[in-house]
PDB file of N, CA and C in Angstrom:
ATOM      1  N   PHE A   1      58.040  52.296 228.223  1.00  0.00           N
ATOM      2  CA  PHE A   1      57.990  51.216 229.197  1.00  0.00           C
ATOM      3  C   PHE A   1      58.691  51.608 230.491  1.00  0.00           C
ATOM      4  N   ILE A   2      59.835  52.277 230.402  1.00  0.00           N
ATOM      5  CA  ILE A   2      60.586  52.615 231.604  1.00  0.00           C
ATOM      6  C   ILE A   2      59.774  53.534 232.504  1.00  0.00           C
ATOM      7  N   ASP A   3      59.185  54.580 231.943  1.00  0.00           N
ATOM      8  CA  ASP A   3      58.462  55.549 232.755  1.00  0.00           C
ATOM      9  C   ASP A   3      57.001  55.166 232.984  1.00  0.00           C
ATOM     10  N   GLY A   4      56.400  54.439 232.079  1.00  0.00           N
ATOM     11  CA  GLY A   4      54.965  54.177 232.161  1.00  0.00           C
ATOM     12  C   GLY A   4      54.571  52.845 232.742  1.00  0.00           C
ATOM     13  N   GLY A   5      55.525  51.927 232.906  1.00  0.00           N
ATOM     14  CA  GLY A   5      55.199  50.601 233.423  1.00  0.00           C
ATOM     15  C   GLY A   5      54.851  50.630 234.902  1.00  0.00           C
ATOM     16  N   THR A   6      54.178  49.586 235.340  1.00  0.00           N
ATOM     17  CA  THR A   6      53.791  49.523 236.748  1.00  0.00           C
ATOM     18  C   THR A   6      54.974  49.128 237.632  1.00  0.00           C
ATOM     19  N   MET A   7      55.887  48.346 237.096  1.00  0.00           N
ATOM     20  CA  MET A   7      57.068  47.950 237.855  1.00  0.00           C
ATOM     21  C   MET A   7      58.295  48.146 236.977  1.00  0.00           C
ATOM     22  N   VAL A   8      59.249  48.886 237.483  1.00  0.00           N
ATOM     23  CA  VAL A   8      60.467  49.134 236.716  1.00  0.00           C
ATOM     24  C   VAL A   8      61.445  47.999 236.980  1.00  0.00           C
ATOM     25  N   SER A   9      61.949  47.426 235.926  1.00  0.00           N
ATOM     26  CA  SER A   9      62.899  46.330 236.036  1.00  0.00           C
ATOM     27  C   SER A   9      64.312  46.858 235.802  1.00  0.00           C
ATOM     28  N   PRO A  10      65.273  46.434 236.615  1.00  0.00           N
ATOM     29  CA  PRO A  10      66.639  46.890 236.387  1.00  0.00           C
ATOM     30  C   PRO A  10      67.209  46.374 235.071  1.00  0.00           C
ATOM     31  N   THR A  11      66.651  45.277 234.559  1.00  0.00           N
ATOM     32  CA  THR A  11      67.171  44.741 233.305  1.00  0.00           C
ATOM     33  C   THR A  11      66.888  45.661 232.124  1.00  0.00           C
ATOM     34  N   VAL A  12      65.838  46.456 232.219  1.00  0.00           N
ATOM     35  CA  VAL A  12      65.551  47.420 231.145  1.00  0.00           C
ATOM     36  C   VAL A  12      66.696  48.428 231.075  1.00  0.00           C
ATOM     37  N   TYR A  13      67.104  48.922 232.227  1.00  0.00           N
ATOM     38  CA  TYR A  13      68.225  49.861 232.266  1.00  0.00           C
ATOM     39  C   TYR A  13      69.523  49.187 231.844  1.00  0.00           C
ATOM     40  N   ALA A  14      69.708  47.941 232.245  1.00  0.00           N
ATOM     41  CA  ALA A  14      70.926  47.210 231.887  1.00  0.00           C
ATOM     42  C   ALA A  14      71.037  47.029 230.376  1.00  0.00           C
ATOM     43  N   ARG A  15      69.937  46.665 229.747  1.00  0.00           N
ATOM     44  CA  ARG A  15      69.965  46.474 228.288  1.00  0.00           C
ATOM     45  C   ARG A  15      70.248  47.780 227.568  1.00  0.00           C
ATOM     46  N   ARG A  16      69.616  48.864 228.034  1.00  0.00           N
ATOM     47  CA  ARG A  16      69.863  50.150 227.379  1.00  0.00           C
ATOM     48  C   ARG A  16      71.293  50.612 227.654  1.00  0.00           C
ATOM     49  N   CYS A  17      71.797  50.336 228.854  1.00  0.00           N
ATOM     50  CA  CYS A  17      73.177  50.663 229.188  1.00  0.00           C
ATOM     51  C   CYS A  17      74.139  49.980 228.211  1.00  0.00           C
ATOM     52  N   LEU A  18      73.932  48.697 227.984  1.00  0.00           N
ATOM     53  CA  LEU A  18      74.789  47.970 227.043  1.00  0.00           C
ATOM     54  C   LEU A  18      74.683  48.542 225.635  1.00  0.00           C
ATOM     55  N   SER A  19      73.491  48.930 225.253  1.00  0.00           N
ATOM     56  CA  SER A  19      73.308  49.540 223.933  1.00  0.00           C
ATOM     57  C   SER A  19      74.099  50.844 223.828  1.00  0.00           C
ATOM     58  N   TYR A  20      74.019  51.656 224.873  1.00  0.00           N
ATOM     59  CA  TYR A  20      74.797  52.900 224.877  1.00  0.00           C
ATOM     60  C   TYR A  20      76.295  52.616 224.802  1.00  0.00           C
ATOM     61  N   LEU A  21      76.755  51.617 225.553  1.00  0.00           N
ATOM     62  CA  LEU A  21      78.175  51.280 225.520  1.00  0.00           C
ATOM     63  C   LEU A  21      78.613  50.848 224.125  1.00  0.00           C
ATOM     64  N   MET A  22      77.781  50.041 223.471  1.00  0.00           N
ATOM     65  CA  MET A  22      78.125  49.573 222.123  1.00  0.00           C
ATOM     66  C   MET A  22      78.126  50.708 221.106  1.00  0.00           C
ATOM     67  N   ASN A  23      77.428  51.789 221.431  1.00  0.00           N
ATOM     68  CA  ASN A  23      77.364  52.940 220.534  1.00  0.00           C
ATOM     69  C   ASN A  23      78.265  54.082 220.993  1.00  0.00           C
ATOM     70  N   ASP A  24      79.252  53.743 221.830  1.00  0.00           N
ATOM     71  CA  ASP A  24      80.252  54.698 222.308  1.00  0.00           C
ATOM     72  C   ASP A  24      79.616  55.915 222.980  1.00  0.00           C
ATOM     73  N   MET A  25      78.676  55.634 223.878  1.00  0.00           N
ATOM     74  CA  MET A  25      78.003  56.676 224.648  1.00  0.00           C
ATOM     75  C   MET A  25      78.120  56.327 226.136  1.00  0.00           C
ATOM     76  N   PRO A  26      79.362  56.364 226.679  1.00  0.00           N
ATOM     77  CA  PRO A  26      79.567  55.878 228.047  1.00  0.00           C
ATOM     78  C   PRO A  26      78.879  56.703 229.132  1.00  0.00           C
ATOM     79  N   GLN A  27      78.725  57.999 228.943  1.00  0.00           N
ATOM     80  CA  GLN A  27      78.066  58.809 229.967  1.00  0.00           C
ATOM     81  C   GLN A  27      76.586  58.420 230.100  1.00  0.00           C
ATOM     82  N   GLU A  28      75.924  58.235 228.974  1.00  0.00           N
ATOM     83  CA  GLU A  28      74.529  57.820 228.992  1.00  0.00           C
ATOM     84  C   GLU A  28      74.402  56.411 229.578  1.00  0.00           C
ATOM     85  N   ALA A  29      75.368  55.561 229.239  1.00  0.00           N
ATOM     86  CA  ALA A  29      75.376  54.200 229.773  1.00  0.00           C
ATOM     87  C   ALA A  29      75.517  54.223 231.290  1.00  0.00           C
ATOM     88  N   LEU A  30      76.381  55.091 231.793  1.00  0.00           N
ATOM     89  CA  LEU A  30      76.575  55.193 233.236  1.00  0.00           C
ATOM     90  C   LEU A  30      75.296  55.628 233.934  1.00  0.00           C
ATOM     91  N   GLU A  31      74.588  56.549 233.339  1.00  0.00           N
ATOM     92  CA  GLU A  31      73.324  57.006 233.933  1.00  0.00           C
ATOM     93  C   GLU A  31      72.329  55.855 234.061  1.00  0.00           C
ATOM     94  N   ASP A  32      72.233  55.018 233.037  1.00  0.00           N
ATOM     95  CA  ASP A  32      71.315  53.875 233.104  1.00  0.00           C
ATOM     96  C   ASP A  32      71.805  52.820 234.089  1.00  0.00           C
ATOM     97  N   ALA A  33      73.112  52.599 234.158  1.00  0.00           N
ATOM     98  CA  ALA A  33      73.647  51.643 235.127  1.00  0.00           C
ATOM     99  C   ALA A  33      73.347  52.106 236.551  1.00  0.00           C
ATOM    100  N   MET A  34      73.440  53.399 236.773  1.00  0.00           N
ATOM    101  CA  MET A  34      73.132  53.946 238.093  1.00  0.00           C
ATOM    102  C   MET A  34      71.644  53.818 238.403  1.00  0.00           C
ATOM    103  N   GLN A  35      70.806  53.994 237.406  1.00  0.00           N
ATOM    104  CA  GLN A  35      69.367  53.818 237.615  1.00  0.00           C
ATOM    105  C   GLN A  35      69.039  52.361 237.925  1.00  0.00           C
ATOM    106  N   ALA A  36      69.738  51.438 237.289  1.00  0.00           N
ATOM    107  CA  ALA A  36      69.534  50.018 237.587  1.00  0.00           C
ATOM    108  C   ALA A  36      69.857  49.732 239.047  1.00  0.00           C
ATOM    109  N   GLN A  37      70.892  50.392 239.558  1.00  0.00           N
ATOM    110  CA  GLN A  37      71.254  50.208 240.966  1.00  0.00           C
ATOM    111  C   GLN A  37      70.204  50.813 241.893  1.00  0.00           C
ATOM    112  N   VAL A  38      69.635  51.941 241.504  1.00  0.00           N
ATOM    113  CA  VAL A  38      68.577  52.553 242.317  1.00  0.00           C
ATOM    114  C   VAL A  38      67.381  51.609 242.420  1.00  0.00           C
ATOM    115  N   VAL A  39      67.016  51.016 241.302  1.00  0.00           N
ATOM    116  CA  VAL A  39      65.870  50.109 241.263  1.00  0.00           C
ATOM    117  C   VAL A  39      66.158  48.832 242.044  1.00  0.00           C
ATOM    118  N   SER A  40      67.380  48.334 241.941  1.00  0.00           N
ATOM    119  CA  SER A  40      67.750  47.076 242.594  1.00  0.00           C
ATOM    120  C   SER A  40      69.134  47.220 243.232  1.00  0.00           C
ATOM    121  N   PRO A  41      69.204  47.792 244.441  1.00  0.00           N
ATOM    122  CA  PRO A  41      70.487  48.113 245.072  1.00  0.00           C
ATOM    123  C   PRO A  41      71.377  46.910 245.393  1.00  0.00           C
ATOM    124  N   GLU A  42      70.831  45.721 245.472  1.00  0.00           N
ATOM    125  CA  GLU A  42      71.629  44.536 245.790  1.00  0.00           C
ATOM    126  C   GLU A  42      71.889  43.658 244.561  1.00  0.00           C
ATOM    127  N   TRP A  43      71.793  44.243 243.373  1.00  0.00           N
ATOM    128  CA  TRP A  43      72.007  43.509 242.126  1.00  0.00           C
ATOM    129  C   TRP A  43      73.435  43.774 241.650  1.00  0.00           C
ATOM    130  N   PRO A  44      74.333  42.809 241.762  1.00  0.00           N
ATOM    131  CA  PRO A  44      75.736  43.046 241.414  1.00  0.00           C
ATOM    132  C   PRO A  44      75.946  43.469 239.964  1.00  0.00           C
ATOM    133  N   THR A  45      75.097  43.033 239.072  1.00  0.00           N
ATOM    134  CA  THR A  45      75.247  43.385 237.660  1.00  0.00           C
ATOM    135  C   THR A  45      75.222  44.891 237.459  1.00  0.00           C
ATOM    136  N   ALA A  46      74.410  45.601 238.234  1.00  0.00           N
ATOM    137  CA  ALA A  46      74.367  47.058 238.124  1.00  0.00           C
ATOM    138  C   ALA A  46      75.729  47.662 238.444  1.00  0.00           C
ATOM    139  N   PHE A  47      76.395  47.107 239.450  1.00  0.00           N
ATOM    140  CA  PHE A  47      77.726  47.594 239.808  1.00  0.00           C
ATOM    141  C   PHE A  47      78.742  47.276 238.713  1.00  0.00           C
ATOM    142  N   TYR A  48      78.643  46.073 238.151  1.00  0.00           N
ATOM    143  CA  TYR A  48      79.568  45.677 237.091  1.00  0.00           C
ATOM    144  C   TYR A  48      79.400  46.572 235.854  1.00  0.00           C
ATOM    145  N   LEU A  49      78.154  46.887 235.540  1.00  0.00           N
ATOM    146  CA  LEU A  49      77.909  47.785 234.416  1.00  0.00           C
ATOM    147  C   LEU A  49      78.473  49.176 234.696  1.00  0.00           C
ATOM    148  N   GLN A  50      78.282  49.654 235.914  1.00  0.00           N
ATOM    149  CA  GLN A  50      78.833  50.958 236.271  1.00  0.00           C
ATOM    150  C   GLN A  50      80.352  50.951 236.144  1.00  0.00           C
ATOM    151  N   ALA A  51      80.984  49.884 236.608  1.00  0.00           N
ATOM    152  CA  ALA A  51      82.441  49.788 236.508  1.00  0.00           C
ATOM    153  C   ALA A  51      82.892  49.839 235.055  1.00  0.00           C
ATOM    154  N   THR A  52      82.183  49.137 234.193  1.00  0.00           N
ATOM    155  CA  THR A  52      82.520  49.153 232.769  1.00  0.00           C
ATOM    156  C   THR A  52      82.409  50.562 232.195  1.00  0.00           C
ATOM    157  N   CYS A  53      81.353  51.256 232.564  1.00  0.00           N
ATOM    158  CA  CYS A  53      81.156  52.628 232.091  1.00  0.00           C
ATOM    159  C   CYS A  53      82.254  53.546 232.609  1.00  0.00           C
ATOM    160  N   LEU A  54      82.580  53.399 233.877  1.00  0.00           N
ATOM    161  CA  LEU A  54      83.623  54.239 234.469  1.00  0.00           C
ATOM    162  C   LEU A  54      84.976  53.989 233.804  1.00  0.00           C
ATOM    163  N   PHE A  55      85.295  52.735 233.507  1.00  0.00           N
ATOM    164  CA  PHE A  55      86.519  52.433 232.763  1.00  0.00           C
ATOM    165  C   PHE A  55      86.499  53.127 231.404  1.00  0.00           C
ATOM    166  N   SER A  56      85.343  53.080 230.738  1.00  0.00           N
ATOM    167  CA  SER A  56      85.218  53.715 229.420  1.00  0.00           C
ATOM    168  C   SER A  56      85.413  55.223 229.491  1.00  0.00           C
ATOM    169  N   LEU A  57      85.057  55.789 230.633  1.00  0.00           N
ATOM    170  CA  LEU A  57      85.207  57.238 230.823  1.00  0.00           C
ATOM    171  C   LEU A  57      86.590  57.612 231.362  1.00  0.00           C
ATOM    172  N   GLY A  58      87.460  56.632 231.537  1.00  0.00           N
ATOM    173  CA  GLY A  58      88.805  56.894 232.021  1.00  0.00           C
ATOM    174  C   GLY A  58      88.890  57.093 233.525  1.00  0.00           C
ATOM    175  N   MET A  59      87.895  56.633 234.241  1.00  0.00           N
ATOM    176  CA  MET A  59      87.851  56.798 235.695  1.00  0.00           C
ATOM    177  C   MET A  59      88.190  55.456 236.359  1.00  0.00           C
ATOM    178  N   GLU A  60      89.450  55.044 236.200  1.00  0.00           N
ATOM    179  CA  GLU A  60      89.867  53.713 236.628  1.00  0.00           C
ATOM    180  C   GLU A  60      89.716  53.482 238.130  1.00  0.00           C
ATOM    181  N   ASN A  61      90.082  54.454 238.953  1.00  0.00           N
ATOM    182  CA  ASN A  61      89.982  54.263 240.408  1.00  0.00           C
ATOM    183  C   ASN A  61      88.539  54.051 240.847  1.00  0.00           C
ATOM    184  N   ASP A  62      87.646  54.883 240.329  1.00  0.00           N
ATOM    185  CA  ASP A  62      86.226  54.724 240.646  1.00  0.00           C
ATOM    186  C   ASP A  62      85.702  53.386 240.138  1.00  0.00           C
ATOM    187  N   ALA A  63      86.156  52.998 238.968  1.00  0.00           N
ATOM    188  CA  ALA A  63      85.730  51.724 238.393  1.00  0.00           C
ATOM    189  C   ALA A  63      86.171  50.560 239.275  1.00  0.00           C
ATOM    190  N   GLN A  64      87.404  50.609 239.763  1.00  0.00           N
ATOM    191  CA  GLN A  64      87.907  49.542 240.633  1.00  0.00           C
ATOM    192  C   GLN A  64      87.085  49.447 241.918  1.00  0.00           C
ATOM    193  N   GLU A  65      86.748  50.584 242.507  1.00  0.00           N
ATOM    194  CA  GLU A  65      85.942  50.596 243.732  1.00  0.00           C
ATOM    195  C   GLU A  65      84.545  50.015 243.485  1.00  0.00           C
ATOM    196  N   THR A  66      83.956  50.413 242.374  1.00  0.00           N
ATOM    197  CA  THR A  66      82.621  49.919 242.036  1.00  0.00           C
ATOM    198  C   THR A  66      82.652  48.422 241.765  1.00  0.00           C
ATOM    199  N   LEU A  67      83.700  47.976 241.116  1.00  0.00           N
ATOM    200  CA  LEU A  67      83.865  46.547 240.853  1.00  0.00           C
ATOM    201  C   LEU A  67      83.982  45.771 242.171  1.00  0.00           C
ATOM    202  N   LYS A  68      84.721  46.309 243.123  1.00  0.00           N
ATOM    203  CA  LYS A  68      84.831  45.674 244.446  1.00  0.00           C
ATOM    204  C   LYS A  68      83.475  45.612 245.131  1.00  0.00           C
ATOM    205  N   ASP A  69      82.708  46.696 245.044  1.00  0.00           N
ATOM    206  CA  ASP A  69      81.378  46.712 245.659  1.00  0.00           C
ATOM    207  C   ASP A  69      80.488  45.605 245.085  1.00  0.00           C
ATOM    208  N   GLY A  70      80.496  45.486 243.773  1.00  0.00           N
ATOM    209  CA  GLY A  70      79.698  44.442 243.127  1.00  0.00           C
ATOM    210  C   GLY A  70      80.143  43.051 243.522  1.00  0.00           C
ATOM    211  N   THR A  71      81.451  42.863 243.591  1.00  0.00           N
ATOM    212  CA  THR A  71      81.998  41.565 243.979  1.00  0.00           C
ATOM    213  C   THR A  71      81.618  41.222 245.411  1.00  0.00           C
ATOM    214  N   ASN A  72      81.674  42.215 246.299  1.00  0.00           N
ATOM    215  CA  ASN A  72      81.296  41.979 247.703  1.00  0.00           C
ATOM    216  C   ASN A  72      79.823  41.606 247.836  1.00  0.00           C
ATOM    217  N   ILE A  73      78.971  42.286 247.101  1.00  0.00           N
ATOM    218  CA  ILE A  73      77.539  41.969 247.142  1.00  0.00           C
ATOM    219  C   ILE A  73      77.296  40.550 246.635  1.00  0.00           C
ATOM    220  N   GLU A  74      77.971  40.206 245.551  1.00  0.00           N
ATOM    221  CA  GLU A  74      77.792  38.860 244.999  1.00  0.00           C
ATOM    222  C   GLU A  74      78.305  37.800 245.970  1.00  0.00           C
ATOM    223  N   ALA A  75      79.424  38.064 246.640  1.00  0.00           N
ATOM    224  CA  ALA A  75      79.966  37.113 247.611  1.00  0.00           C
ATOM    225  C   ALA A  75      79.002  36.908 248.775  1.00  0.00           C
ATOM    226  N   LYS A  76      78.365  37.988 249.228  1.00  0.00           N
ATOM    227  CA  LYS A  76      77.392  37.881 250.319  1.00  0.00           C
ATOM    228  C   LYS A  76      76.204  37.011 249.906  1.00  0.00           C
ATOM    229  N   LYS A  77      75.760  37.179 248.663  1.00  0.00           N
ATOM    230  CA  LYS A  77      74.634  36.375 248.179  1.00  0.00           C
ATOM    231  C   LYS A  77      74.968  34.891 248.154  1.00  0.00           C
ATOM    232  N   HIS A  78      76.191  34.582 247.763  1.00  0.00           N
ATOM    233  CA  HIS A  78      76.583  33.182 247.658  1.00  0.00           C
ATOM    234  C   HIS A  78      76.835  32.540 249.016  1.00  0.00           C
ATOM    235  N   LYS A  79      77.113  33.358 250.033  1.00  0.00           N
ATOM    236  CA  LYS A  79      77.286  32.828 251.390  1.00  0.00           C
ATOM    237  C   LYS A  79      75.950  32.385 251.984  1.00  0.00           C
ATOM    238  N   ASN A  80      74.896  33.103 251.627  1.00  0.00           N
ATOM    239  CA  ASN A  80      73.569  32.812 252.193  1.00  0.00           C
ATOM    240  C   ASN A  80      72.923  31.731 251.448  1.00  0.00           C
TER     241      ASN A  80
END
């Protein structure tokens, strides 16, 4: 579905990302979270998933920055 569908949905990557996280595969989860962001760059959930993955990988500073990015995007959406 991911490669063969006519329209790629970021939720497909998000669901697989969560599955990877639950199976202690944070690097694979991060790759899917990043793909979700590529598909939908203004979707804060993609940033939140990336932050979770980065925390799991011990990359706290990067995770904090990514979390801020997601929060800023969400705040902009709520202003409009």
